[in-house]
Amino acid sequence: ARPLFLSAGFILEEGLPMDTLWRVVQSMKLAAEQ
């Protein structure tokens, strides 16, 4: 199949640094674009 659409569910632990989440989200963005 040619992949087209994805969903993303995040289970986040209390105390997770926001910059860690930001890095993960930006990595997902780049991978999805590629």
Full PDB file with SEQRES, HELIX, SHEET, SSBOND, CRYST1, ORIGX, SCALE, CONECT and MASTER records, all heavy atoms in Angstrom:
SEQRES   1 A   34  ALA ARG PRO LEU PHE LEU SER ALA GLY PHE ILE LEU GLU          
SEQRES   2 A   34  GLU GLY LEU PRO MET ASP THR LEU TRP ARG VAL VAL GLN          
SEQRES   3 A   34  SER MET LYS LEU ALA ALA GLU GLN                              
HELIX    1 AA1 MET A   18  GLU A   33  1                                  16    
CRYST1    1.000    1.000    1.000  90.00  90.00  90.00 P 1           1          
ORIGX1      1.000000  0.000000  0.000000        0.00000                         
ORIGX2      0.000000  1.000000  0.000000        0.00000                         
ORIGX3      0.000000  0.000000  1.000000        0.00000                         
SCALE1      1.000000  0.000000  0.000000        0.00000                         
SCALE2      0.000000  1.000000  0.000000        0.00000                         
SCALE3      0.000000  0.000000  1.000000        0.00000                         
ATOM      1  N   ALA A   1       0.823  -1.207   0.000  1.00  0.00           N  
ATOM      2  CA  ALA A   1       0.000   0.000   0.000  1.00  0.00           C  
ATOM      3  C   ALA A   1       0.861   1.264   0.000  1.00  0.00           C  
ATOM      4  O   ALA A   1       1.981   1.266   0.516  1.00  0.00           O  
ATOM      5  CB  ALA A   1      -0.922   0.018   1.219  1.00  0.00           C  
ATOM      6  N   ARG A   2       0.297   2.317  -0.562  1.00  0.00           N  
ATOM      7  CA  ARG A   2       0.894   3.648  -0.470  1.00  0.00           C  
ATOM      8  C   ARG A   2       0.334   4.322   0.776  1.00  0.00           C  
ATOM      9  O   ARG A   2      -0.853   4.649   0.834  1.00  0.00           O  
ATOM     10  CB  ARG A   2       0.548   4.490  -1.704  1.00  0.00           C  
ATOM     11  CG  ARG A   2       1.148   5.908  -1.681  1.00  0.00           C  
ATOM     12  CD  ARG A   2       0.735   6.712  -2.904  1.00  0.00           C  
ATOM     13  NE  ARG A   2       1.229   6.106  -4.125  1.00  0.00           N  
ATOM     14  CZ  ARG A   2       2.446   6.285  -4.618  1.00  0.00           C  
ATOM     15  NH1 ARG A   2       3.311   7.054  -3.971  1.00  0.00           N  
ATOM     16  NH2 ARG A   2       2.822   5.699  -5.733  1.00  0.00           N  
ATOM     17  N   PRO A   3       1.154   4.550   1.803  1.00  0.00           N  
ATOM     18  CA  PRO A   3       0.655   5.164   3.041  1.00  0.00           C  
ATOM     19  C   PRO A   3       0.170   6.590   2.792  1.00  0.00           C  
ATOM     20  O   PRO A   3       0.810   7.355   2.068  1.00  0.00           O  
ATOM     21  CB  PRO A   3       1.878   5.151   3.959  1.00  0.00           C  
ATOM     22  CG  PRO A   3       2.792   4.105   3.375  1.00  0.00           C  
ATOM     23  CD  PRO A   3       2.568   4.174   1.899  1.00  0.00           C  
ATOM     24  N   LEU A   4      -0.953   6.945   3.402  1.00  0.00           N  
ATOM     25  CA  LEU A   4      -1.526   8.273   3.196  1.00  0.00           C  
ATOM     26  C   LEU A   4      -1.786   9.022   4.498  1.00  0.00           C  
ATOM     27  O   LEU A   4      -1.362  10.165   4.649  1.00  0.00           O  
ATOM     28  CB  LEU A   4      -2.845   8.162   2.407  1.00  0.00           C  
ATOM     29  CG  LEU A   4      -2.766   7.638   0.989  1.00  0.00           C  
ATOM     30  CD1 LEU A   4      -4.170   7.500   0.403  1.00  0.00           C  
ATOM     31  CD2 LEU A   4      -1.920   8.551   0.116  1.00  0.00           C  
ATOM     32  N   PHE A   5      -2.506   8.396   5.431  1.00  0.00           N  
ATOM     33  CA  PHE A   5      -2.967   9.094   6.623  1.00  0.00           C  
ATOM     34  C   PHE A   5      -2.606   8.316   7.888  1.00  0.00           C  
ATOM     35  O   PHE A   5      -2.723   7.096   7.934  1.00  0.00           O  
ATOM     36  CB  PHE A   5      -4.485   9.284   6.578  1.00  0.00           C  
ATOM     37  CG  PHE A   5      -4.962  10.018   5.359  1.00  0.00           C  
ATOM     38  CD1 PHE A   5      -5.713   9.360   4.378  1.00  0.00           C  
ATOM     39  CD2 PHE A   5      -4.669  11.350   5.171  1.00  0.00           C  
ATOM     40  CE1 PHE A   5      -6.157  10.026   3.258  1.00  0.00           C  
ATOM     41  CE2 PHE A   5      -5.106  12.036   4.042  1.00  0.00           C  
ATOM     42  CZ  PHE A   5      -5.847  11.374   3.082  1.00  0.00           C  
ATOM     43  N   LEU A   6      -2.203   9.064   8.918  1.00  0.00           N  
ATOM     44  CA  LEU A   6      -1.867   8.476  10.203  1.00  0.00           C  
ATOM     45  C   LEU A   6      -2.612   9.189  11.323  1.00  0.00           C  
ATOM     46  O   LEU A   6      -2.929  10.379  11.214  1.00  0.00           O  
ATOM     47  CB  LEU A   6      -0.365   8.586  10.489  1.00  0.00           C  
ATOM     48  CG  LEU A   6       0.562   7.447  10.035  1.00  0.00           C  
ATOM     49  CD1 LEU A   6       0.513   7.264   8.527  1.00  0.00           C  
ATOM     50  CD2 LEU A   6       1.987   7.715  10.499  1.00  0.00           C  
ATOM     51  N   SER A   7      -2.884   8.453  12.390  1.00  0.00           N  
ATOM     52  CA  SER A   7      -3.311   9.056  13.651  1.00  0.00           C  
ATOM     53  C   SER A   7      -2.143   8.953  14.633  1.00  0.00           C  
ATOM     54  O   SER A   7      -1.235   8.136  14.451  1.00  0.00           O  
ATOM     55  CB  SER A   7      -4.527   8.332  14.224  1.00  0.00           C  
ATOM     56  OG  SER A   7      -4.164   7.038  14.681  1.00  0.00           O  
ATOM     57  N   ALA A   8      -2.166   9.784  15.656  1.00  0.00           N  
ATOM     58  CA  ALA A   8      -1.103   9.758  16.659  1.00  0.00           C  
ATOM     59  C   ALA A   8      -1.705   9.949  18.038  1.00  0.00           C  
ATOM     60  O   ALA A   8      -2.349  10.962  18.305  1.00  0.00           O  
ATOM     61  CB  ALA A   8      -0.071  10.848  16.382  1.00  0.00           C  
ATOM     62  N   GLY A   9      -1.521   8.965  18.909  1.00  0.00           N  
ATOM     63  CA  GLY A   9      -1.971   9.054  20.290  1.00  0.00           C  
ATOM     64  C   GLY A   9      -0.764   9.104  21.215  1.00  0.00           C  
ATOM     65  O   GLY A   9       0.135   8.269  21.118  1.00  0.00           O  
ATOM     66  N   PHE A  10      -0.736  10.089  22.100  1.00  0.00           N  
ATOM     67  CA  PHE A  10       0.390  10.292  23.003  1.00  0.00           C  
ATOM     68  C   PHE A  10      -0.013   9.976  24.445  1.00  0.00           C  
ATOM     69  O   PHE A  10      -0.991  10.525  24.949  1.00  0.00           O  
ATOM     70  CB  PHE A  10       0.876  11.743  22.945  1.00  0.00           C  
ATOM     71  CG  PHE A  10       1.372  12.169  21.598  1.00  0.00           C  
ATOM     72  CD1 PHE A  10       0.494  12.670  20.647  1.00  0.00           C  
ATOM     73  CD2 PHE A  10       2.712  12.082  21.278  1.00  0.00           C  
ATOM     74  CE1 PHE A  10       0.947  13.077  19.389  1.00  0.00           C  
ATOM     75  CE2 PHE A  10       3.178  12.478  20.028  1.00  0.00           C  
ATOM     76  CZ  PHE A  10       2.291  12.976  19.087  1.00  0.00           C  
ATOM     77  N   ILE A  11       0.731   9.094  25.093  1.00  0.00           N  
ATOM     78  CA  ILE A  11       0.600   8.851  26.527  1.00  0.00           C  
ATOM     79  C   ILE A  11       1.815   9.509  27.174  1.00  0.00           C  
ATOM     80  O   ILE A  11       2.948   9.044  27.002  1.00  0.00           O  
ATOM     81  CB  ILE A  11       0.568   7.347  26.865  1.00  0.00           C  
ATOM     82  CG1 ILE A  11      -0.472   6.621  26.009  1.00  0.00           C  
ATOM     83  CG2 ILE A  11       0.327   7.145  28.349  1.00  0.00           C  
ATOM     84  CD1 ILE A  11      -1.890   7.066  26.249  1.00  0.00           C  
ATOM     85  N   LEU A  12       1.590  10.592  27.901  1.00  0.00           N  
ATOM     86  CA  LEU A  12       2.671  11.409  28.433  1.00  0.00           C  
ATOM     87  C   LEU A  12       2.717  11.300  29.951  1.00  0.00           C  
ATOM     88  O   LEU A  12       1.681  11.355  30.617  1.00  0.00           O  
ATOM     89  CB  LEU A  12       2.473  12.865  28.027  1.00  0.00           C  
ATOM     90  CG  LEU A  12       2.256  13.118  26.523  1.00  0.00           C  
ATOM     91  CD1 LEU A  12       1.895  14.564  26.280  1.00  0.00           C  
ATOM     92  CD2 LEU A  12       3.495  12.725  25.734  1.00  0.00           C  
ATOM     93  N   GLU A  13       3.928  11.160  30.471  1.00  0.00           N  
ATOM     94  CA  GLU A  13       4.092  11.058  31.911  1.00  0.00           C  
ATOM     95  C   GLU A  13       4.199  12.444  32.541  1.00  0.00           C  
ATOM     96  O   GLU A  13       4.907  13.324  32.027  1.00  0.00           O  
ATOM     97  CB  GLU A  13       5.347  10.249  32.237  1.00  0.00           C  
ATOM     98  CG  GLU A  13       5.554  10.039  33.719  1.00  0.00           C  
ATOM     99  CD  GLU A  13       6.831   9.255  34.011  1.00  0.00           C  
ATOM    100  OE1 GLU A  13       7.522   8.876  33.053  1.00  0.00           O  
ATOM    101  OE2 GLU A  13       7.105   9.024  35.194  1.00  0.00           O  
ATOM    102  N   GLU A  14       3.506  12.634  33.631  1.00  0.00           N  
ATOM    103  CA  GLU A  14       3.608  13.889  34.370  1.00  0.00           C  
ATOM    104  C   GLU A  14       5.072  14.172  34.703  1.00  0.00           C  
ATOM    105  O   GLU A  14       5.803  13.296  35.161  1.00  0.00           O  
ATOM    106  CB  GLU A  14       2.787  13.791  35.658  1.00  0.00           C  
ATOM    107  CG  GLU A  14       2.806  15.052  36.501  1.00  0.00           C  
ATOM    108  CD  GLU A  14       2.047  14.877  37.807  1.00  0.00           C  
ATOM    109  OE1 GLU A  14       1.626  13.729  38.092  1.00  0.00           O  
ATOM    110  OE2 GLU A  14       1.878  15.877  38.517  1.00  0.00           O  
ATOM    111  N   GLY A  15       5.515  15.399  34.437  1.00  0.00           N  
ATOM    112  CA  GLY A  15       6.897  15.767  34.675  1.00  0.00           C  
ATOM    113  C   GLY A  15       7.771  15.698  33.439  1.00  0.00           C  
ATOM    114  O   GLY A  15       8.952  16.062  33.489  1.00  0.00           O  
ATOM    115  N   LEU A  16       7.221  15.226  32.314  1.00  0.00           N  
ATOM    116  CA  LEU A  16       7.996  15.187  31.070  1.00  0.00           C  
ATOM    117  C   LEU A  16       8.371  16.614  30.659  1.00  0.00           C  
ATOM    118  O   LEU A  16       7.496  17.473  30.539  1.00  0.00           O  
ATOM    119  CB  LEU A  16       7.174  14.525  29.957  1.00  0.00           C  
ATOM    120  CG  LEU A  16       7.821  14.472  28.570  1.00  0.00           C  
ATOM    121  CD1 LEU A  16       8.934  13.434  28.548  1.00  0.00           C  
ATOM    122  CD2 LEU A  16       6.782  14.160  27.493  1.00  0.00           C  
ATOM    123  N   PRO A  17       9.653  16.909  30.435  1.00  0.00           N  
ATOM    124  CA  PRO A  17      10.029  18.252  29.975  1.00  0.00           C  
ATOM    125  C   PRO A  17       9.367  18.585  28.645  1.00  0.00           C  
ATOM    126  O   PRO A  17       9.340  17.752  27.737  1.00  0.00           O  
ATOM    127  CB  PRO A  17      11.555  18.164  29.840  1.00  0.00           C  
ATOM    128  CG  PRO A  17      11.954  17.040  30.744  1.00  0.00           C  
ATOM    129  CD  PRO A  17      10.820  16.050  30.658  1.00  0.00           C  
ATOM    130  N   MET A  18       8.872  19.804  28.527  1.00  0.00           N  
ATOM    131  CA  MET A  18       8.181  20.185  27.308  1.00  0.00           C  
ATOM    132  C   MET A  18       9.095  20.163  26.092  1.00  0.00           C  
ATOM    133  O   MET A  18       8.674  19.861  24.983  1.00  0.00           O  
ATOM    134  CB  MET A  18       7.557  21.567  27.478  1.00  0.00           C  
ATOM    135  CG  MET A  18       6.532  21.910  26.409  1.00  0.00           C  
ATOM    136  SD  MET A  18       5.081  20.841  26.493  1.00  0.00           S  
ATOM    137  CE  MET A  18       4.263  21.525  27.929  1.00  0.00           C  
ATOM    138  N   ASP A  19      10.395  20.457  26.303  1.00  0.00           N  
ATOM    139  CA  ASP A  19      11.294  20.440  25.154  1.00  0.00           C  
ATOM    140  C   ASP A  19      11.516  19.021  24.628  1.00  0.00           C  
ATOM    141  O   ASP A  19      11.778  18.815  23.449  1.00  0.00           O  
ATOM    142  CB  ASP A  19      12.627  21.114  25.469  1.00  0.00           C  
ATOM    143  CG  ASP A  19      13.408  20.413  26.564  1.00  0.00           C  
ATOM    144  OD1 ASP A  19      12.799  19.676  27.353  1.00  0.00           O  
ATOM    145  OD2 ASP A  19      14.642  20.598  26.623  1.00  0.00           O  
ATOM    146  N   THR A  20      11.381  18.008  25.514  1.00  0.00           N  
ATOM    147  CA  THR A  20      11.469  16.622  25.062  1.00  0.00           C  
ATOM    148  C   THR A  20      10.304  16.287  24.140  1.00  0.00           C  
ATOM    149  O   THR A  20      10.484  15.704  23.067  1.00  0.00           O  
ATOM    150  CB  THR A  20      11.475  15.663  26.270  1.00  0.00           C  
ATOM    151  OG1 THR A  20      12.626  15.925  27.072  1.00  0.00           O  
ATOM    152  CG2 THR A  20      11.505  14.208  25.818  1.00  0.00           C  
ATOM    153  N   LEU A  21       9.101  16.680  24.557  1.00  0.00           N  
ATOM    154  CA  LEU A  21       7.931  16.457  23.711  1.00  0.00           C  
ATOM    155  C   LEU A  21       8.068  17.215  22.401  1.00  0.00           C  
ATOM    156  O   LEU A  21       7.724  16.700  21.334  1.00  0.00           O  
ATOM    157  CB  LEU A  21       6.668  16.884  24.456  1.00  0.00           C  
ATOM    158  CG  LEU A  21       5.351  16.763  23.686  1.00  0.00           C  
ATOM    159  CD1 LEU A  21       5.120  15.328  23.218  1.00  0.00           C  
ATOM    160  CD2 LEU A  21       4.180  17.238  24.547  1.00  0.00           C  
ATOM    161  N   TRP A  22       8.573  18.420  22.481  1.00  0.00           N  
ATOM    162  CA  TRP A  22       8.742  19.242  21.272  1.00  0.00           C  
ATOM    163  C   TRP A  22       9.688  18.575  20.288  1.00  0.00           C  
ATOM    164  O   TRP A  22       9.431  18.532  19.081  1.00  0.00           O  
ATOM    165  CB  TRP A  22       9.259  20.621  21.676  1.00  0.00           C  
ATOM    166  CG  TRP A  22       9.428  21.590  20.543  1.00  0.00           C  
ATOM    167  CD1 TRP A  22      10.590  22.081  20.038  1.00  0.00           C  
ATOM    168  CD2 TRP A  22       8.383  22.199  19.771  1.00  0.00           C  
ATOM    169  NE1 TRP A  22      10.346  22.948  19.013  1.00  0.00           N  
ATOM    170  CE2 TRP A  22       9.004  23.047  18.829  1.00  0.00           C  
ATOM    171  CE3 TRP A  22       6.998  22.112  19.807  1.00  0.00           C  
ATOM    172  CZ2 TRP A  22       8.269  23.798  17.915  1.00  0.00           C  
ATOM    173  CZ3 TRP A  22       6.271  22.865  18.890  1.00  0.00           C  
ATOM    174  CH2 TRP A  22       6.910  23.693  17.968  1.00  0.00           C  
ATOM    175  N   ARG A  23      10.802  18.025  20.789  1.00  0.00           N  
ATOM    176  CA  ARG A  23      11.751  17.330  19.919  1.00  0.00           C  
ATOM    177  C   ARG A  23      11.094  16.125  19.250  1.00  0.00           C  
ATOM    178  O   ARG A  23      11.305  15.872  18.056  1.00  0.00           O  
ATOM    179  CB  ARG A  23      12.969  16.870  20.709  1.00  0.00           C  
ATOM    180  CG  ARG A  23      13.935  17.956  21.115  1.00  0.00           C  
ATOM    181  CD  ARG A  23      15.072  17.380  21.945  1.00  0.00           C  
ATOM    182  NE  ARG A  23      15.855  16.398  21.173  1.00  0.00           N  
ATOM    183  CZ  ARG A  23      16.761  15.596  21.722  1.00  0.00           C  
ATOM    184  NH1 ARG A  23      16.967  15.621  23.039  1.00  0.00           N  
ATOM    185  NH2 ARG A  23      17.447  14.752  20.960  1.00  0.00           N  
ATOM    186  N   VAL A  24      10.317  15.380  20.000  1.00  0.00           N  
ATOM    187  CA  VAL A  24       9.640  14.206  19.452  1.00  0.00           C  
ATOM    188  C   VAL A  24       8.646  14.615  18.373  1.00  0.00           C  
ATOM    189  O   VAL A  24       8.581  14.007  17.298  1.00  0.00           O  
ATOM    190  CB  VAL A  24       8.935  13.425  20.576  1.00  0.00           C  
ATOM    191  CG1 VAL A  24       8.023  12.335  19.995  1.00  0.00           C  
ATOM    192  CG2 VAL A  24       9.951  12.795  21.516  1.00  0.00           C  
ATOM    193  N   VAL A  25       7.876  15.648  18.644  1.00  0.00           N  
ATOM    194  CA  VAL A  25       6.877  16.113  17.681  1.00  0.00           C  
ATOM    195  C   VAL A  25       7.550  16.600  16.397  1.00  0.00           C  
ATOM    196  O   VAL A  25       7.093  16.299  15.276  1.00  0.00           O  
ATOM    197  CB  VAL A  25       6.003  17.219  18.302  1.00  0.00           C  
ATOM    198  CG1 VAL A  25       5.160  17.917  17.242  1.00  0.00           C  
ATOM    199  CG2 VAL A  25       5.102  16.635  19.382  1.00  0.00           C  
ATOM    200  N   GLN A  26       8.635  17.343  16.532  1.00  0.00           N  
ATOM    201  CA  GLN A  26       9.340  17.817  15.345  1.00  0.00           C  
ATOM    202  C   GLN A  26       9.939  16.668  14.550  1.00  0.00           C  
ATOM    203  O   GLN A  26       9.966  16.697  13.308  1.00  0.00           O  
ATOM    204  CB  GLN A  26      10.428  18.819  15.750  1.00  0.00           C  
ATOM    205  CG  GLN A  26       9.889  20.128  16.287  1.00  0.00           C  
ATOM    206  CD  GLN A  26       8.988  20.830  15.279  1.00  0.00           C  
ATOM    207  OE1 GLN A  26       9.378  21.099  14.146  1.00  0.00           O  
ATOM    208  NE2 GLN A  26       7.762  21.107  15.688  1.00  0.00           N  
ATOM    209  N   SER A  27      10.419  15.642  15.241  1.00  0.00           N  
ATOM    210  CA  SER A  27      10.933  14.465  14.554  1.00  0.00           C  
ATOM    211  C   SER A  27       9.823  13.745  13.792  1.00  0.00           C  
ATOM    212  O   SER A  27      10.019  13.294  12.649  1.00  0.00           O  
ATOM    213  CB  SER A  27      11.569  13.512  15.562  1.00  0.00           C  
ATOM    214  OG  SER A  27      12.024  12.331  14.935  1.00  0.00           O  
ATOM    215  N   MET A  28       8.650  13.655  14.410  1.00  0.00           N  
ATOM    216  CA  MET A  28       7.507  13.045  13.730  1.00  0.00           C  
ATOM    217  C   MET A  28       7.114  13.842  12.499  1.00  0.00           C  
ATOM    218  O   MET A  28       6.785  13.281  11.449  1.00  0.00           O  
ATOM    219  CB  MET A  28       6.332  12.930  14.692  1.00  0.00           C  
ATOM    220  CG  MET A  28       6.545  11.956  15.836  1.00  0.00           C  
ATOM    221  SD  MET A  28       5.173  11.902  17.003  1.00  0.00           S  
ATOM    222  CE  MET A  28       3.916  11.071  16.012  1.00  0.00           C  
ATOM    223  N   LYS A  29       7.137  15.150  12.631  1.00  0.00           N  
ATOM    224  CA  LYS A  29       6.804  16.014  11.494  1.00  0.00           C  
ATOM    225  C   LYS A  29       7.733  15.747  10.316  1.00  0.00           C  
ATOM    226  O   LYS A  29       7.286  15.553   9.178  1.00  0.00           O  
ATOM    227  CB  LYS A  29       6.907  17.473  11.915  1.00  0.00           C  
ATOM    228  CG  LYS A  29       6.742  18.468  10.766  1.00  0.00           C  
ATOM    229  CD  LYS A  29       7.006  19.893  11.216  1.00  0.00           C  
ATOM    230  CE  LYS A  29       6.901  20.860  10.044  1.00  0.00           C  
ATOM    231  NZ  LYS A  29       7.197  22.254  10.459  1.00  0.00           N  
ATOM    232  N   LEU A  30       9.047  15.709  10.588  1.00  0.00           N  
ATOM    233  CA  LEU A  30      10.014  15.473   9.524  1.00  0.00           C  
ATOM    234  C   LEU A  30       9.848  14.093   8.907  1.00  0.00           C  
ATOM    235  O   LEU A  30       9.866  13.932   7.672  1.00  0.00           O  
ATOM    236  CB  LEU A  30      11.428  15.633  10.078  1.00  0.00           C  
ATOM    237  CG  LEU A  30      12.576  15.371   9.093  1.00  0.00           C  
ATOM    238  CD1 LEU A  30      12.506  16.329   7.917  1.00  0.00           C  
ATOM    239  CD2 LEU A  30      13.928  15.497   9.805  1.00  0.00           C  
ATOM    240  N   ALA A  31       9.670  13.081   9.752  1.00  0.00           N  
ATOM    241  CA  ALA A  31       9.515  11.721   9.237  1.00  0.00           C  
ATOM    242  C   ALA A  31       8.256  11.591   8.386  1.00  0.00           C  
ATOM    243  O   ALA A  31       8.258  10.913   7.351  1.00  0.00           O  
ATOM    244  CB  ALA A  31       9.471  10.726  10.394  1.00  0.00           C  
ATOM    245  N   ALA A  32       7.170  12.234   8.810  1.00  0.00           N  
ATOM    246  CA  ALA A  32       5.922  12.189   8.040  1.00  0.00           C  
ATOM    247  C   ALA A  32       6.094  12.866   6.690  1.00  0.00           C  
ATOM    248  O   ALA A  32       5.613  12.374   5.658  1.00  0.00           O  
ATOM    249  CB  ALA A  32       4.793  12.828   8.834  1.00  0.00           C  
ATOM    250  N   GLU A  33       6.784  13.998   6.676  1.00  0.00           N  
ATOM    251  CA  GLU A  33       7.022  14.704   5.410  1.00  0.00           C  
ATOM    252  C   GLU A  33       7.860  13.841   4.470  1.00  0.00           C  
ATOM    253  O   GLU A  33       7.580  13.758   3.268  1.00  0.00           O  
ATOM    254  CB  GLU A  33       7.717  16.030   5.689  1.00  0.00           C  
ATOM    255  CG  GLU A  33       6.833  17.066   6.370  1.00  0.00           C  
ATOM    256  CD  GLU A  33       7.596  18.308   6.794  1.00  0.00           C  
ATOM    257  OE1 GLU A  33       8.854  18.280   6.746  1.00  0.00           O  
ATOM    258  OE2 GLU A  33       6.944  19.302   7.180  1.00  0.00           O  
ATOM    259  N   GLN A  34       8.890  13.214   4.999  1.00  0.00           N  
ATOM    260  CA  GLN A  34       9.756  12.375   4.164  1.00  0.00           C  
ATOM    261  C   GLN A  34       9.020  11.158   3.623  1.00  0.00           C  
ATOM    262  O   GLN A  34       9.304  10.693   2.513  1.00  0.00           O  
ATOM    263  CB  GLN A  34      10.984  11.954   4.964  1.00  0.00           C  
ATOM    264  CG  GLN A  34      11.918  13.103   5.301  1.00  0.00           C  
ATOM    265  CD  GLN A  34      13.069  12.702   6.194  1.00  0.00           C  
ATOM    266  OE1 GLN A  34      13.005  11.701   6.911  1.00  0.00           O  
ATOM    267  NE2 GLN A  34      14.140  13.473   6.168  1.00  0.00           N  
TER     268      GLN A  34                                                      
MASTER        0    0    0    1    0    0    0    6  267    1    0    3          
END                                                                             
